[in-house]
C-alpha atoms as a PDB file:
ATOM      1  CA  MET A   1      10.739  25.327 -10.757  1.00  0.00           C
ATOM      2  CA  ALA A   2       9.189  25.621  -7.451  1.00  0.00           C
ATOM      3  CA  ASP A   3       8.886  22.407  -5.483  1.00  0.00           C
ATOM      4  CA  THR A   4       5.407  20.851  -4.014  1.00  0.00           C
ATOM      5  CA  VAL A   5       4.932  19.543  -0.436  1.00  0.00           C
ATOM      6  CA  LEU A   6       1.587  17.184  -0.940  1.00  0.00           C
ATOM      7  CA  GLY A   7       0.240  16.079   2.633  1.00  0.00           C
ATOM      8  CA  VAL A   8      -0.862  12.400   2.469  1.00  0.00           C
ATOM      9  CA  GLU A   9      -2.344   9.506   4.379  1.00  0.00           C
ATOM     10  CA  TYR A  10      -0.674   6.431   4.206  1.00  0.00           C
ATOM     11  CA  TYR A  11      -1.460   3.115   5.658  1.00  0.00           C
ATOM     12  CA  TYR A  12       0.398  -0.260   6.001  1.00  0.00           C
ATOM     13  CA  VAL A  13      -0.322  -3.915   5.886  1.00  0.00           C
ATOM     14  CA  THR A  14       1.900  -6.743   6.979  1.00  0.00           C
ATOM     15  CA  VAL A  15       1.864  -9.851   5.040  1.00  0.00           C
ATOM     16  CA  PRO A  16       4.184 -13.022   5.461  1.00  0.00           C
ATOM     17  CA  ASP A  17       7.474 -12.973   3.912  1.00  0.00           C
ATOM     18  CA  GLU A  18       6.749 -15.083   0.943  1.00  0.00           C
ATOM     19  CA  PRO A  19       6.994 -14.451  -2.650  1.00  0.00           C
ATOM     20  CA  GLY A  20       3.662 -13.088  -4.263  1.00  0.00           C
ATOM     21  CA  GLU A  21       2.389 -11.900  -1.044  1.00  0.00           C
ATOM     22  CA  GLY A  22       3.258  -8.223  -2.447  1.00  0.00           C
ATOM     23  CA  GLN A  23       1.596  -8.951  -5.834  1.00  0.00           C
ATOM     24  CA  ARG A  24      -1.725 -10.551  -4.019  1.00  0.00           C
ATOM     25  CA  ILE A  25      -2.368  -7.374  -2.156  1.00  0.00           C
ATOM     26  CA  LEU A  26      -1.365  -4.868  -4.645  1.00  0.00           C
ATOM     27  CA  SER A  27      -3.837  -6.815  -7.097  1.00  0.00           C
ATOM     28  CA  ALA A  28      -6.540  -6.605  -4.663  1.00  0.00           C
ATOM     29  CA  LEU A  29      -6.208  -2.894  -4.576  1.00  0.00           C
ATOM     30  CA  LYS A  30      -6.267  -2.703  -8.205  1.00  0.00           C
ATOM     31  CA  ASP A  31      -9.242  -4.570  -8.820  1.00  0.00           C
ATOM     32  CA  GLY A  32     -10.769  -2.596  -6.180  1.00  0.00           C
ATOM     33  CA  GLY A  33      -9.881   0.548  -7.951  1.00  0.00           C
ATOM     34  CA  VAL A  34      -7.371   2.196  -5.495  1.00  0.00           C
ATOM     35  CA  ASN A  35      -4.951   4.317  -7.204  1.00  0.00           C
ATOM     36  CA  LEU A  36      -1.522   4.301  -5.563  1.00  0.00           C
ATOM     37  CA  LEU A  37       0.398   7.424  -5.267  1.00  0.00           C
ATOM     38  CA  ALA A  38       3.092   5.285  -3.751  1.00  0.00           C
ATOM     39  CA  PHE A  39       3.744   1.841  -2.147  1.00  0.00           C
ATOM     40  CA  LEU A  40       6.963   0.483  -0.287  1.00  0.00           C
ATOM     41  CA  GLY A  41       7.193  -3.079   0.796  1.00  0.00           C
ATOM     42  CA  PHE A  42      10.417  -4.029   3.108  1.00  0.00           C
ATOM     43  CA  PRO A  43      10.901  -6.878   5.624  1.00  0.00           C
ATOM     44  CA  GLN A  44      10.265  -7.307   9.422  1.00  0.00           C
ATOM     45  CA  ASP A  45      12.442  -9.445  11.735  1.00  0.00           C
ATOM     46  CA  ASP A  46       9.322 -12.131  12.499  1.00  0.00           C
ATOM     47  CA  GLY A  47       8.954 -13.361   8.691  1.00  0.00           C
ATOM     48  CA  ARG A  48       6.678 -11.133   7.923  1.00  0.00           C
ATOM     49  CA  SER A  49       7.157  -8.130   5.462  1.00  0.00           C
ATOM     50  CA  GLN A  50       5.305  -4.319   5.766  1.00  0.00           C
ATOM     51  CA  LEU A  51       3.474  -3.027   3.017  1.00  0.00           C
ATOM     52  CA  ASP A  52       3.303   0.988   3.100  1.00  0.00           C
ATOM     53  CA  LEU A  53       0.396   2.193   0.852  1.00  0.00           C
ATOM     54  CA  VAL A  54      -0.084   6.096   0.125  1.00  0.00           C
ATOM     55  CA  PRO A  55      -3.637   6.235  -1.585  1.00  0.00           C
ATOM     56  CA  ASP A  56      -4.744   8.751  -3.706  1.00  0.00           C
ATOM     57  CA  ASP A  57      -7.972   8.698  -2.448  1.00  0.00           C
ATOM     58  CA  PRO A  58      -8.174   7.210   1.156  1.00  0.00           C
ATOM     59  CA  GLN A  59     -11.618   6.114   1.212  1.00  0.00           C
ATOM     60  CA  SER A  60     -11.038   4.309  -1.896  1.00  0.00           C
ATOM     61  CA  LEU A  61      -7.997   2.013   0.066  1.00  0.00           C
ATOM     62  CA  ARG A  62     -10.438   1.504   2.947  1.00  0.00           C
ATOM     63  CA  ALA A  63     -13.442   0.787   0.711  1.00  0.00           C
ATOM     64  CA  ALA A  64     -11.322  -2.043  -0.963  1.00  0.00           C
ATOM     65  CA  ALA A  65     -10.050  -3.341   2.592  1.00  0.00           C
ATOM     66  CA  GLU A  66     -13.228  -4.097   3.571  1.00  0.00           C
END
């Protein structure tokens, strides 16, 4: 089976490194109708975490973020 390469746009948001912050962002995106192909969360050094978001439709993510 051949591999498929897909070019995508990704976005990121930083949030406080506290329980529930990732869920807050992901729930807001879900409620805004955003379909994510992937996401990744990891802590940063300053007490914050970064969430990388790969939307199926980048315009839907931008609209939900506004």
